[in-house]
Amino acid sequence: MLYAVEEATIVLLAVAHQHREPDYWIDREKT
């Protein structure tokens, strides 16, 4: 059950990544 939730979160992040500026996510990942 938990893996399904994690997978859904990854998908949401992937979709959000396509709709936001790359620099924004780069800064978030490095922080």
PDB file of N, CA and C in Angstrom:
ATOM      1  N   MET A   1       0.840  -1.208   0.000  1.00  0.00           N
ATOM      2  CA  MET A   1       0.000   0.000   0.000  1.00  0.00           C
ATOM      3  C   MET A   1       0.872   1.254   0.000  1.00  0.00           C
ATOM      4  N   LEU A   2       1.924   1.209   0.813  1.00  0.00           N
ATOM      5  CA  LEU A   2       2.790   2.379   0.950  1.00  0.00           C
ATOM      6  C   LEU A   2       3.501   2.688  -0.366  1.00  0.00           C
ATOM      7  N   TYR A   3       3.926   1.639  -1.055  1.00  0.00           N
ATOM      8  CA  TYR A   3       4.656   1.864  -2.311  1.00  0.00           C
ATOM      9  C   TYR A   3       3.783   2.562  -3.341  1.00  0.00           C
ATOM     10  N   ALA A   4       2.480   2.296  -3.282  1.00  0.00           N
ATOM     11  CA  ALA A   4       1.557   2.940  -4.217  1.00  0.00           C
ATOM     12  C   ALA A   4       1.498   4.442  -3.946  1.00  0.00           C
ATOM     13  N   VAL A   5       1.504   4.812  -2.675  1.00  0.00           N
ATOM     14  CA  VAL A   5       1.469   6.225  -2.295  1.00  0.00           C
ATOM     15  C   VAL A   5       2.752   6.916  -2.733  1.00  0.00           C
ATOM     16  N   GLU A   6       3.877   6.252  -2.529  1.00  0.00           N
ATOM     17  CA  GLU A   6       5.160   6.829  -2.914  1.00  0.00           C
ATOM     18  C   GLU A   6       5.240   7.000  -4.425  1.00  0.00           C
ATOM     19  N   GLU A   7       4.736   6.020  -5.149  1.00  0.00           N
ATOM     20  CA  GLU A   7       4.767   6.093  -6.614  1.00  0.00           C
ATOM     21  C   GLU A   7       3.911   7.247  -7.106  1.00  0.00           C
ATOM     22  N   ALA A   8       2.751   7.433  -6.490  1.00  0.00           N
ATOM     23  CA  ALA A   8       1.855   8.524  -6.865  1.00  0.00           C
ATOM     24  C   ALA A   8       2.526   9.869  -6.606  1.00  0.00           C
ATOM     25  N   THR A   9       3.257   9.962  -5.492  1.00  0.00           N
ATOM     26  CA  THR A   9       3.958  11.198  -5.156  1.00  0.00           C
ATOM     27  C   THR A   9       5.023  11.510  -6.199  1.00  0.00           C
ATOM     28  N   ILE A  10       5.740  10.476  -6.632  1.00  0.00           N
ATOM     29  CA  ILE A  10       6.773  10.658  -7.652  1.00  0.00           C
ATOM     30  C   ILE A  10       6.154  11.176  -8.946  1.00  0.00           C
ATOM     31  N   VAL A  11       4.995  10.626  -9.304  1.00  0.00           N
ATOM     32  CA  VAL A  11       4.308  11.056 -10.527  1.00  0.00           C
ATOM     33  C   VAL A  11       3.894  12.516 -10.411  1.00  0.00           C
ATOM     34  N   LEU A  12       3.356  12.892  -9.245  1.00  0.00           N
ATOM     35  CA  LEU A  12       2.929  14.276  -9.034  1.00  0.00           C
ATOM     36  C   LEU A  12       4.120  15.221  -9.130  1.00  0.00           C
ATOM     37  N   LEU A  13       5.249  14.815  -8.554  1.00  0.00           N
ATOM     38  CA  LEU A  13       6.446  15.643  -8.615  1.00  0.00           C
ATOM     39  C   LEU A  13       6.936  15.774 -10.054  1.00  0.00           C
ATOM     40  N   ALA A  14       6.837  14.693 -10.801  1.00  0.00           N
ATOM     41  CA  ALA A  14       7.280  14.707 -12.196  1.00  0.00           C
ATOM     42  C   ALA A  14       6.420  15.660 -13.015  1.00  0.00           C
ATOM     43  N   VAL A  15       5.114  15.628 -12.780  1.00  0.00           N
ATOM     44  CA  VAL A  15       4.194  16.513 -13.494  1.00  0.00           C
ATOM     45  C   VAL A  15       4.453  17.964 -13.108  1.00  0.00           C
ATOM     46  N   ALA A  16       4.637  18.202 -11.814  1.00  0.00           N
ATOM     47  CA  ALA A  16       4.887  19.562 -11.338  1.00  0.00           C
ATOM     48  C   ALA A  16       6.202  20.079 -11.910  1.00  0.00           C
ATOM     49  N   HIS A  17       7.177  19.184 -12.048  1.00  0.00           N
ATOM     50  CA  HIS A  17       8.484  19.552 -12.570  1.00  0.00           C
ATOM     51  C   HIS A  17       8.365  20.108 -13.991  1.00  0.00           C
ATOM     52  N   GLN A  18       7.451  19.562 -14.761  1.00  0.00           N
ATOM     53  CA  GLN A  18       7.276  19.989 -16.147  1.00  0.00           C
ATOM     54  C   GLN A  18       6.604  21.349 -16.230  1.00  0.00           C
ATOM     55  N   HIS A  19       5.932  21.756 -15.149  1.00  0.00           N
ATOM     56  CA  HIS A  19       5.173  23.008 -15.169  1.00  0.00           C
ATOM     57  C   HIS A  19       5.867  24.128 -14.389  1.00  0.00           C
ATOM     58  N   ARG A  20       7.073  23.847 -13.901  1.00  0.00           N
ATOM     59  CA  ARG A  20       7.808  24.861 -13.147  1.00  0.00           C
ATOM     60  C   ARG A  20       9.166  25.120 -13.794  1.00  0.00           C
ATOM     61  N   GLU A  21       9.804  26.206 -13.390  1.00  0.00           N
ATOM     62  CA  GLU A  21      11.107  26.535 -13.950  1.00  0.00           C
ATOM     63  C   GLU A  21      12.165  25.564 -13.422  1.00  0.00           C
ATOM     64  N   PRO A  22      13.006  25.024 -14.299  1.00  0.00           N
ATOM     65  CA  PRO A  22      14.041  24.058 -13.901  1.00  0.00           C
ATOM     66  C   PRO A  22      14.941  24.588 -12.786  1.00  0.00           C
ATOM     67  N   ASP A  23      15.288  25.871 -12.856  1.00  0.00           N
ATOM     68  CA  ASP A  23      16.174  26.453 -11.847  1.00  0.00           C
ATOM     69  C   ASP A  23      15.563  26.347 -10.455  1.00  0.00           C
ATOM     70  N   TYR A  24      14.247  26.472 -10.370  1.00  0.00           N
ATOM     71  CA  TYR A  24      13.570  26.387  -9.080  1.00  0.00           C
ATOM     72  C   TYR A  24      13.801  25.020  -8.454  1.00  0.00           C
ATOM     73  N   TRP A  25      13.674  23.967  -9.241  1.00  0.00           N
ATOM     74  CA  TRP A  25      13.824  22.602  -8.716  1.00  0.00           C
ATOM     75  C   TRP A  25      15.285  22.287  -8.419  1.00  0.00           C
ATOM     76  N   ILE A  26      16.189  22.847  -9.221  1.00  0.00           N
ATOM     77  CA  ILE A  26      17.612  22.620  -8.968  1.00  0.00           C
ATOM     78  C   ILE A  26      17.990  23.186  -7.601  1.00  0.00           C
ATOM     79  N   ASP A  27      17.502  24.386  -7.299  1.00  0.00           N
ATOM     80  CA  ASP A  27      17.788  25.006  -6.010  1.00  0.00           C
ATOM     81  C   ASP A  27      17.187  24.191  -4.875  1.00  0.00           C
ATOM     82  N   ARG A  28      15.995  23.655  -5.070  1.00  0.00           N
ATOM     83  CA  ARG A  28      15.312  22.887  -4.028  1.00  0.00           C
ATOM     84  C   ARG A  28      16.074  21.594  -3.742  1.00  0.00           C
ATOM     85  N   GLU A  29      16.557  20.928  -4.785  1.00  0.00           N
ATOM     86  CA  GLU A  29      17.244  19.653  -4.620  1.00  0.00           C
ATOM     87  C   GLU A  29      18.584  19.827  -3.918  1.00  0.00           C
ATOM     88  N   LYS A  30      19.269  20.914  -4.199  1.00  0.00           N
ATOM     89  CA  LYS A  30      20.592  21.139  -3.607  1.00  0.00           C
ATOM     90  C   LYS A  30      20.489  21.580  -2.155  1.00  0.00           C
ATOM     91  N   THR A  31      19.406  22.212  -1.795  1.00  0.00           N
ATOM     92  CA  THR A  31      19.252  22.733  -0.439  1.00  0.00           C
ATOM     93  C   THR A  31      19.146  21.612   0.582  1.00  0.00           C
TER      94      THR A  31
END
